[in-house]
Amino acid sequence: MKQKKIFNVFFREKPAMMLVTLLNKNSNIYASNLAKIVDCTYSHVVKILQEMQKAGLVSFEKQGRLKVLTLTKKGQEVAGYITKIKNVL
C-alpha cells in the first residue's frame, strides 16, 4: 500500500494508469472501456485523452461509430517509463 501512495505523489493516478492500460491492452480499446478499467467517468477520460492526443501520446482511429485508442511511439515510451517507475517504488 505504501508503494501505491508514493507513486501517486509523483503521478496523477488516472492519466498514468490510462497510459499503462493502453500499453498492456490485448484487444481494441475505446474510451468507454478505458473509463470502466480505470474507474473514471467517460467525460473525464475523454478530456484526458484529448490532452494526451495534443501531447502526441495517443491517437484515435475511427472504426464505424467508435474510435479505437492507440498509443503513439512516444506514448509507448512514456507508458513504459511509468511502469518501470511504479515497479521501482
PDB file of N, CA and C in Angstrom:
ATOM      1  N   MET A   1       0.826  -1.195   0.000  1.00  0.00           N
ATOM      2  CA  MET A   1       0.000   0.000   0.000  1.00  0.00           C
ATOM      3  C   MET A   1       0.869   1.256   0.000  1.00  0.00           C
ATOM      4  N   LYS A   2       1.963   1.250   0.743  1.00  0.00           N
ATOM      5  CA  LYS A   2       2.859   2.404   0.788  1.00  0.00           C
ATOM      6  C   LYS A   2       3.419   2.700  -0.601  1.00  0.00           C
ATOM      7  N   GLN A   3       3.718   1.642  -1.353  1.00  0.00           N
ATOM      8  CA  GLN A   3       4.237   1.792  -2.705  1.00  0.00           C
ATOM      9  C   GLN A   3       3.249   2.583  -3.559  1.00  0.00           C
ATOM     10  N   LYS A   4       1.982   2.277  -3.476  1.00  0.00           N
ATOM     11  CA  LYS A   4       0.970   2.941  -4.280  1.00  0.00           C
ATOM     12  C   LYS A   4       0.847   4.415  -3.896  1.00  0.00           C
ATOM     13  N   LYS A   5       0.914   4.719  -2.615  1.00  0.00           N
ATOM     14  CA  LYS A   5       0.791   6.106  -2.161  1.00  0.00           C
ATOM     15  C   LYS A   5       1.927   6.961  -2.698  1.00  0.00           C
ATOM     16  N   ILE A   6       3.150   6.478  -2.641  1.00  0.00           N
ATOM     17  CA  ILE A   6       4.291   7.265  -3.121  1.00  0.00           C
ATOM     18  C   ILE A   6       4.216   7.437  -4.635  1.00  0.00           C
ATOM     19  N   PHE A   7       3.746   6.432  -5.341  1.00  0.00           N
ATOM     20  CA  PHE A   7       3.566   6.543  -6.795  1.00  0.00           C
ATOM     21  C   PHE A   7       2.594   7.670  -7.116  1.00  0.00           C
ATOM     22  N   ASN A   8       1.507   7.761  -6.352  1.00  0.00           N
ATOM     23  CA  ASN A   8       0.501   8.790  -6.594  1.00  0.00           C
ATOM     24  C   ASN A   8       1.000  10.185  -6.252  1.00  0.00           C
ATOM     25  N   VAL A   9       2.035  10.294  -5.452  1.00  0.00           N
ATOM     26  CA  VAL A   9       2.638  11.588  -5.166  1.00  0.00           C
ATOM     27  C   VAL A   9       3.279  12.146  -6.431  1.00  0.00           C
ATOM     28  N   PHE A  10       3.905  11.285  -7.209  1.00  0.00           N
ATOM     29  CA  PHE A  10       4.622  11.724  -8.400  1.00  0.00           C
ATOM     30  C   PHE A  10       3.756  11.807  -9.651  1.00  0.00           C
ATOM     31  N   PHE A  11       2.726  11.013  -9.716  1.00  0.00           N
ATOM     32  CA  PHE A  11       1.879  10.951 -10.903  1.00  0.00           C
ATOM     33  C   PHE A  11       0.415  11.029 -10.508  1.00  0.00           C
ATOM     34  N   ARG A  12      -0.374  11.686 -11.337  1.00  0.00           N
ATOM     35  CA  ARG A  12      -1.816  11.604 -11.153  1.00  0.00           C
ATOM     36  C   ARG A  12      -2.213  10.199 -11.578  1.00  0.00           C
ATOM     37  N   GLU A  13      -2.905   9.530 -10.715  1.00  0.00           N
ATOM     38  CA  GLU A  13      -3.162   8.103 -10.891  1.00  0.00           C
ATOM     39  C   GLU A  13      -3.922   7.790 -12.176  1.00  0.00           C
ATOM     40  N   LYS A  14      -5.030   8.466 -12.435  1.00  0.00           N
ATOM     41  CA  LYS A  14      -5.888   8.103 -13.571  1.00  0.00           C
ATOM     42  C   LYS A  14      -5.171   8.243 -14.914  1.00  0.00           C
ATOM     43  N   PRO A  15      -4.569   9.398 -15.224  1.00  0.00           N
ATOM     44  CA  PRO A  15      -3.873   9.501 -16.518  1.00  0.00           C
ATOM     45  C   PRO A  15      -2.730   8.503 -16.669  1.00  0.00           C
ATOM     46  N   ALA A  16      -1.974   8.298 -15.598  1.00  0.00           N
ATOM     47  CA  ALA A  16      -0.861   7.348 -15.663  1.00  0.00           C
ATOM     48  C   ALA A  16      -1.372   5.937 -15.925  1.00  0.00           C
ATOM     49  N   MET A  17      -2.441   5.548 -15.231  1.00  0.00           N
ATOM     50  CA  MET A  17      -2.970   4.209 -15.410  1.00  0.00           C
ATOM     51  C   MET A  17      -3.643   4.042 -16.775  1.00  0.00           C
ATOM     52  N   MET A  18      -4.165   5.137 -17.324  1.00  0.00           N
ATOM     53  CA  MET A  18      -4.730   5.071 -18.678  1.00  0.00           C
ATOM     54  C   MET A  18      -3.633   4.709 -19.676  1.00  0.00           C
ATOM     55  N   LEU A  19      -2.478   5.357 -19.564  1.00  0.00           N
ATOM     56  CA  LEU A  19      -1.368   5.047 -20.472  1.00  0.00           C
ATOM     57  C   LEU A  19      -0.893   3.613 -20.298  1.00  0.00           C
ATOM     58  N   VAL A  20      -0.744   3.177 -19.061  1.00  0.00           N
ATOM     59  CA  VAL A  20      -0.281   1.810 -18.790  1.00  0.00           C
ATOM     60  C   VAL A  20      -1.301   0.797 -19.316  1.00  0.00           C
ATOM     61  N   THR A  21      -2.588   1.081 -19.142  1.00  0.00           N
ATOM     62  CA  THR A  21      -3.634   0.184 -19.642  1.00  0.00           C
ATOM     63  C   THR A  21      -3.564   0.075 -21.157  1.00  0.00           C
ATOM     64  N   LEU A  22      -3.370   1.200 -21.829  1.00  0.00           N
ATOM     65  CA  LEU A  22      -3.262   1.174 -23.295  1.00  0.00           C
ATOM     66  C   LEU A  22      -2.016   0.418 -23.745  1.00  0.00           C
ATOM     67  N   LEU A  23      -0.938   0.533 -22.978  1.00  0.00           N
ATOM     68  CA  LEU A  23       0.289  -0.183 -23.314  1.00  0.00           C
ATOM     69  C   LEU A  23       0.088  -1.693 -23.213  1.00  0.00           C
ATOM     70  N   ASN A  24      -0.668  -2.124 -22.213  1.00  0.00           N
ATOM     71  CA  ASN A  24      -0.847  -3.554 -21.940  1.00  0.00           C
ATOM     72  C   ASN A  24      -2.108  -4.156 -22.554  1.00  0.00           C
ATOM     73  N   LYS A  25      -2.777  -3.434 -23.426  1.00  0.00           N
ATOM     74  CA  LYS A  25      -4.046  -3.929 -23.976  1.00  0.00           C
ATOM     75  C   LYS A  25      -3.846  -5.174 -24.836  1.00  0.00           C
ATOM     76  N   ASN A  26      -4.846  -6.041 -24.819  1.00  0.00           N
ATOM     77  CA  ASN A  26      -4.810  -7.264 -25.611  1.00  0.00           C
ATOM     78  C   ASN A  26      -5.699  -7.181 -26.845  1.00  0.00           C
ATOM     79  N   SER A  27      -6.615  -6.221 -26.855  1.00  0.00           N
ATOM     80  CA  SER A  27      -7.530  -6.063 -27.983  1.00  0.00           C
ATOM     81  C   SER A  27      -7.853  -4.576 -28.125  1.00  0.00           C
ATOM     82  N   ASN A  28      -8.717  -4.259 -29.074  1.00  0.00           N
ATOM     83  CA  ASN A  28      -9.115  -2.864 -29.270  1.00  0.00           C
ATOM     84  C   ASN A  28      -9.724  -2.314 -27.995  1.00  0.00           C
ATOM     85  N   ILE A  29      -9.410  -1.081 -27.712  1.00  0.00           N
ATOM     86  CA  ILE A  29      -9.957  -0.442 -26.520  1.00  0.00           C
ATOM     87  C   ILE A  29     -10.508   0.927 -26.907  1.00  0.00           C
ATOM     88  N   TYR A  30     -11.625   1.257 -26.311  1.00  0.00           N
ATOM     89  CA  TYR A  30     -12.325   2.503 -26.593  1.00  0.00           C
ATOM     90  C   TYR A  30     -12.376   3.323 -25.308  1.00  0.00           C
ATOM     91  N   ALA A  31     -12.723   4.598 -25.434  1.00  0.00           N
ATOM     92  CA  ALA A  31     -12.782   5.474 -24.264  1.00  0.00           C
ATOM     93  C   ALA A  31     -13.733   4.926 -23.205  1.00  0.00           C
ATOM     94  N   SER A  32     -14.855   4.374 -23.619  1.00  0.00           N
ATOM     95  CA  SER A  32     -15.819   3.841 -22.645  1.00  0.00           C
ATOM     96  C   SER A  32     -15.232   2.650 -21.885  1.00  0.00           C
ATOM     97  N   ASN A  33     -14.490   1.768 -22.587  1.00  0.00           N
ATOM     98  CA  ASN A  33     -13.825   0.642 -21.915  1.00  0.00           C
ATOM     99  C   ASN A  33     -12.783   1.151 -20.925  1.00  0.00           C
ATOM    100  N   LEU A  34     -12.012   2.111 -21.381  1.00  0.00           N
ATOM    101  CA  LEU A  34     -10.944   2.660 -20.562  1.00  0.00           C
ATOM    102  C   LEU A  34     -11.499   3.301 -19.295  1.00  0.00           C
ATOM    103  N   ALA A  35     -12.626   3.981 -19.417  1.00  0.00           N
ATOM    104  CA  ALA A  35     -13.261   4.615 -18.257  1.00  0.00           C
ATOM    105  C   ALA A  35     -13.627   3.573 -17.202  1.00  0.00           C
ATOM    106  N   LYS A  36     -14.141   2.448 -17.639  1.00  0.00           N
ATOM    107  CA  LYS A  36     -14.501   1.384 -16.701  1.00  0.00           C
ATOM    108  C   LYS A  36     -13.257   0.774 -16.057  1.00  0.00           C
ATOM    109  N   ILE A  37     -12.217   0.562 -16.849  1.00  0.00           N
ATOM    110  CA  ILE A  37     -10.999  -0.083 -16.345  1.00  0.00           C
ATOM    111  C   ILE A  37     -10.316   0.771 -15.281  1.00  0.00           C
ATOM    112  N   VAL A  38     -10.221   2.082 -15.527  1.00  0.00           N
ATOM    113  CA  VAL A  38      -9.513   2.949 -14.577  1.00  0.00           C
ATOM    114  C   VAL A  38     -10.456   3.596 -13.564  1.00  0.00           C
ATOM    115  N   ASP A  39     -11.733   3.178 -13.592  1.00  0.00           N
ATOM    116  CA  ASP A  39     -12.737   3.656 -12.645  1.00  0.00           C
ATOM    117  C   ASP A  39     -12.841   5.181 -12.657  1.00  0.00           C
ATOM    118  N   CYS A  40     -13.246   5.685 -13.817  1.00  0.00           N
ATOM    119  CA  CYS A  40     -13.324   7.121 -14.041  1.00  0.00           C
ATOM    120  C   CYS A  40     -14.542   7.400 -14.919  1.00  0.00           C
ATOM    121  N   THR A  41     -15.033   8.620 -14.887  1.00  0.00           N
ATOM    122  CA  THR A  41     -16.170   8.938 -15.749  1.00  0.00           C
ATOM    123  C   THR A  41     -15.724   9.025 -17.203  1.00  0.00           C
ATOM    124  N   TYR A  42     -16.649   8.750 -18.090  1.00  0.00           N
ATOM    125  CA  TYR A  42     -16.360   8.798 -19.516  1.00  0.00           C
ATOM    126  C   TYR A  42     -15.902  10.199 -19.928  1.00  0.00           C
ATOM    127  N   SER A  43     -16.586  11.229 -19.451  1.00  0.00           N
ATOM    128  CA  SER A  43     -16.244  12.595 -19.848  1.00  0.00           C
ATOM    129  C   SER A  43     -14.843  12.982 -19.371  1.00  0.00           C
ATOM    130  N   HIS A  44     -14.458  12.526 -18.188  1.00  0.00           N
ATOM    131  CA  HIS A  44     -13.121  12.816 -17.682  1.00  0.00           C
ATOM    132  C   HIS A  44     -12.061  12.099 -18.523  1.00  0.00           C
ATOM    133  N   VAL A  45     -12.332  10.857 -18.889  1.00  0.00           N
ATOM    134  CA  VAL A  45     -11.406  10.096 -19.731  1.00  0.00           C
ATOM    135  C   VAL A  45     -11.223  10.784 -21.083  1.00  0.00           C
ATOM    136  N   VAL A  46     -12.316  11.224 -21.682  1.00  0.00           N
ATOM    137  CA  VAL A  46     -12.233  11.890 -22.985  1.00  0.00           C
ATOM    138  C   VAL A  46     -11.407  13.172 -22.881  1.00  0.00           C
ATOM    139  N   LYS A  47     -11.607  13.926 -21.820  1.00  0.00           N
ATOM    140  CA  LYS A  47     -10.853  15.164 -21.621  1.00  0.00           C
ATOM    141  C   LYS A  47      -9.352  14.876 -21.500  1.00  0.00           C
ATOM    142  N   ILE A  48      -9.004  13.864 -20.719  1.00  0.00           N
ATOM    143  CA  ILE A  48      -7.599  13.486 -20.554  1.00  0.00           C
ATOM    144  C   ILE A  48      -7.022  12.985 -21.879  1.00  0.00           C
ATOM    145  N   LEU A  49      -7.799  12.166 -22.593  1.00  0.00           N
ATOM    146  CA  LEU A  49      -7.325  11.632 -23.878  1.00  0.00           C
ATOM    147  C   LEU A  49      -7.081  12.742 -24.893  1.00  0.00           C
ATOM    148  N   GLN A  50      -7.913  13.769 -24.881  1.00  0.00           N
ATOM    149  CA  GLN A  50      -7.708  14.896 -25.793  1.00  0.00           C
ATOM    150  C   GLN A  50      -6.396  15.610 -25.487  1.00  0.00           C
ATOM    151  N   GLU A  51      -6.089  15.762 -24.211  1.00  0.00           N
ATOM    152  CA  GLU A  51      -4.811  16.375 -23.819  1.00  0.00           C
ATOM    153  C   GLU A  51      -3.638  15.481 -24.225  1.00  0.00           C
ATOM    154  N   MET A  52      -3.811  14.179 -24.053  1.00  0.00           N
ATOM    155  CA  MET A  52      -2.757  13.235 -24.442  1.00  0.00           C
ATOM    156  C   MET A  52      -2.555  13.250 -25.953  1.00  0.00           C
ATOM    157  N   GLN A  53      -3.639  13.415 -26.691  1.00  0.00           N
ATOM    158  CA  GLN A  53      -3.530  13.478 -28.146  1.00  0.00           C
ATOM    159  C   GLN A  53      -2.755  14.731 -28.551  1.00  0.00           C
ATOM    160  N   LYS A  54      -3.044  15.855 -27.922  1.00  0.00           N
ATOM    161  CA  LYS A  54      -2.321  17.099 -28.207  1.00  0.00           C
ATOM    162  C   LYS A  54      -0.836  16.955 -27.907  1.00  0.00           C
ATOM    163  N   ALA A  55      -0.514  16.158 -26.884  1.00  0.00           N
ATOM    164  CA  ALA A  55       0.882  15.934 -26.493  1.00  0.00           C
ATOM    165  C   ALA A  55       1.548  14.861 -27.344  1.00  0.00           C
ATOM    166  N   GLY A  56       0.798  14.243 -28.252  1.00  0.00           N
ATOM    167  CA  GLY A  56       1.366  13.224 -29.128  1.00  0.00           C
ATOM    168  C   GLY A  56       1.539  11.871 -28.480  1.00  0.00           C
ATOM    169  N   LEU A  57       0.727  11.575 -27.448  1.00  0.00           N
ATOM    170  CA  LEU A  57       0.853  10.305 -26.734  1.00  0.00           C
ATOM    171  C   LEU A  57      -0.132   9.245 -27.218  1.00  0.00           C
ATOM    172  N   VAL A  58      -1.316   9.667 -27.655  1.00  0.00           N
ATOM    173  CA  VAL A  58      -2.324   8.725 -28.135  1.00  0.00           C
ATOM    174  C   VAL A  58      -2.876   9.196 -29.471  1.00  0.00           C
ATOM    175  N   SER A  59      -3.425   8.241 -30.187  1.00  0.00           N
ATOM    176  CA  SER A  59      -4.117   8.573 -31.434  1.00  0.00           C
ATOM    177  C   SER A  59      -5.444   7.828 -31.456  1.00  0.00           C
ATOM    178  N   PHE A  60      -6.379   8.363 -32.215  1.00  0.00           N
ATOM    179  CA  PHE A  60      -7.699   7.789 -32.352  1.00  0.00           C
ATOM    180  C   PHE A  60      -7.857   7.294 -33.781  1.00  0.00           C
ATOM    181  N   GLU A  61      -8.369   6.080 -33.932  1.00  0.00           N
ATOM    182  CA  GLU A  61      -8.653   5.525 -35.261  1.00  0.00           C
ATOM    183  C   GLU A  61     -10.139   5.217 -35.311  1.00  0.00           C
ATOM    184  N   LYS A  62     -10.832   5.919 -36.189  1.00  0.00           N
ATOM    185  CA  LYS A  62     -12.281   5.750 -36.267  1.00  0.00           C
ATOM    186  C   LYS A  62     -12.622   4.414 -36.936  1.00  0.00           C
ATOM    187  N   GLN A  63     -13.463   3.625 -36.258  1.00  0.00           N
ATOM    188  CA  GLN A  63     -13.977   2.364 -36.809  1.00  0.00           C
ATOM    189  C   GLN A  63     -15.491   2.408 -36.651  1.00  0.00           C
ATOM    190  N   GLY A  64     -16.155   2.807 -37.706  1.00  0.00           N
ATOM    191  CA  GLY A  64     -17.598   2.987 -37.625  1.00  0.00           C
ATOM    192  C   GLY A  64     -17.915   4.159 -36.728  1.00  0.00           C
ATOM    193  N   ARG A  65     -18.752   3.923 -35.729  1.00  0.00           N
ATOM    194  CA  ARG A  65     -19.109   4.988 -34.787  1.00  0.00           C
ATOM    195  C   ARG A  65     -18.094   5.120 -33.660  1.00  0.00           C
ATOM    196  N   LEU A  66     -17.233   4.145 -33.497  1.00  0.00           N
ATOM    197  CA  LEU A  66     -16.304   4.108 -32.372  1.00  0.00           C
ATOM    198  C   LEU A  66     -14.908   4.561 -32.775  1.00  0.00           C
ATOM    199  N   LYS A  67     -14.166   5.050 -31.788  1.00  0.00           N
ATOM    200  CA  LYS A  67     -12.775   5.430 -32.005  1.00  0.00           C
ATOM    201  C   LYS A  67     -11.889   4.512 -31.173  1.00  0.00           C
ATOM    202  N   VAL A  68     -11.036   3.761 -31.870  1.00  0.00           N
ATOM    203  CA  VAL A  68     -10.098   2.861 -31.197  1.00  0.00           C
ATOM    204  C   VAL A  68      -8.905   3.687 -30.726  1.00  0.00           C
ATOM    205  N   LEU A  69      -8.494   3.473 -29.489  1.00  0.00           N
ATOM    206  CA  LEU A  69      -7.366   4.191 -28.912  1.00  0.00           C
ATOM    207  C   LEU A  69      -6.074   3.429 -29.148  1.00  0.00           C
ATOM    208  N   THR A  70      -5.040   4.160 -29.527  1.00  0.00           N
ATOM    209  CA  THR A  70      -3.736   3.567 -29.750  1.00  0.00           C
ATOM    210  C   THR A  70      -2.671   4.494 -29.202  1.00  0.00           C
ATOM    211  N   LEU A  71      -1.662   3.932 -28.580  1.00  0.00           N
ATOM    212  CA  LEU A  71      -0.528   4.734 -28.145  1.00  0.00           C
ATOM    213  C   LEU A  71       0.384   5.004 -29.324  1.00  0.00           C
ATOM    214  N   THR A  72       0.903   6.214 -29.392  1.00  0.00           N
ATOM    215  CA  THR A  72       1.924   6.535 -30.387  1.00  0.00           C
ATOM    216  C   THR A  72       3.250   5.973 -29.876  1.00  0.00           C
ATOM    217  N   LYS A  73       4.286   6.083 -30.657  1.00  0.00           N
ATOM    218  CA  LYS A  73       5.603   5.625 -30.216  1.00  0.00           C
ATOM    219  C   LYS A  73       6.016   6.367 -28.946  1.00  0.00           C
ATOM    220  N   LYS A  74       5.785   7.679 -28.928  1.00  0.00           N
ATOM    221  CA  LYS A  74       6.093   8.492 -27.747  1.00  0.00           C
ATOM    222  C   LYS A  74       5.258   8.030 -26.543  1.00  0.00           C
ATOM    223  N   GLY A  75       3.983   7.730 -26.773  1.00  0.00           N
ATOM    224  CA  GLY A  75       3.100   7.259 -25.712  1.00  0.00           C
ATOM    225  C   GLY A  75       3.555   5.923 -25.154  1.00  0.00           C
ATOM    226  N   GLN A  76       4.014   5.033 -26.025  1.00  0.00           N
ATOM    227  CA  GLN A  76       4.518   3.735 -25.576  1.00  0.00           C
ATOM    228  C   GLN A  76       5.750   3.913 -24.702  1.00  0.00           C
ATOM    229  N   GLU A  77       6.599   4.846 -25.094  1.00  0.00           N
ATOM    230  CA  GLU A  77       7.815   5.109 -24.329  1.00  0.00           C
ATOM    231  C   GLU A  77       7.472   5.654 -22.940  1.00  0.00           C
ATOM    232  N   VAL A  78       6.576   6.629 -22.887  1.00  0.00           N
ATOM    233  CA  VAL A  78       6.172   7.222 -21.608  1.00  0.00           C
ATOM    234  C   VAL A  78       5.502   6.177 -20.721  1.00  0.00           C
ATOM    235  N   ALA A  79       4.598   5.381 -21.282  1.00  0.00           N
ATOM    236  CA  ALA A  79       3.910   4.337 -20.512  1.00  0.00           C
ATOM    237  C   ALA A  79       4.907   3.315 -19.979  1.00  0.00           C
ATOM    238  N   GLY A  80       5.908   2.996 -20.772  1.00  0.00           N
ATOM    239  CA  GLY A  80       6.951   2.070 -20.322  1.00  0.00           C
ATOM    240  C   GLY A  80       7.725   2.619 -19.140  1.00  0.00           C
ATOM    241  N   TYR A  81       8.055   3.916 -19.189  1.00  0.00           N
ATOM    242  CA  TYR A  81       8.756   4.549 -18.073  1.00  0.00           C
ATOM    243  C   TYR A  81       7.885   4.578 -16.816  1.00  0.00           C
ATOM    244  N   ILE A  82       6.599   4.869 -16.987  1.00  0.00           N
ATOM    245  CA  ILE A  82       5.691   4.885 -15.831  1.00  0.00           C
ATOM    246  C   ILE A  82       5.658   3.515 -15.180  1.00  0.00           C
ATOM    247  N   THR A  83       5.580   2.463 -16.000  1.00  0.00           N
ATOM    248  CA  THR A  83       5.568   1.090 -15.482  1.00  0.00           C
ATOM    249  C   THR A  83       6.851   0.797 -14.713  1.00  0.00           C
ATOM    250  N   LYS A  84       7.990   1.202 -15.270  1.00  0.00           N
ATOM    251  CA  LYS A  84       9.272   0.953 -14.600  1.00  0.00           C
ATOM    252  C   LYS A  84       9.351   1.694 -13.269  1.00  0.00           C
ATOM    253  N   ILE A  85       8.924   2.948 -13.263  1.00  0.00           N
ATOM    254  CA  ILE A  85       8.963   3.739 -12.022  1.00  0.00           C
ATOM    255  C   ILE A  85       8.056   3.130 -10.981  1.00  0.00           C
ATOM    256  N   LYS A  86       6.863   2.713 -11.395  1.00  0.00           N
ATOM    257  CA  LYS A  86       5.924   2.098 -10.457  1.00  0.00           C
ATOM    258  C   LYS A  86       6.524   0.833  -9.845  1.00  0.00           C
ATOM    259  N   ASN A  87       7.206   0.050 -10.663  1.00  0.00           N
ATOM    260  CA  ASN A  87       7.818  -1.183 -10.168  1.00  0.00           C
ATOM    261  C   ASN A  87       8.969  -0.907  -9.214  1.00  0.00           C
ATOM    262  N   VAL A  88       9.711   0.172  -9.434  1.00  0.00           N
ATOM    263  CA  VAL A  88      10.824   0.525  -8.558  1.00  0.00           C
ATOM    264  C   VAL A  88      10.313   1.015  -7.209  1.00  0.00           C
ATOM    265  N   LEU A  89       9.215   1.780  -7.243  1.00  0.00           N
ATOM    266  CA  LEU A  89       8.653   2.317  -5.986  1.00  0.00           C
ATOM    267  C   LEU A  89       8.027   1.210  -5.174  1.00  0.00           C
TER     268      LEU A  89
END
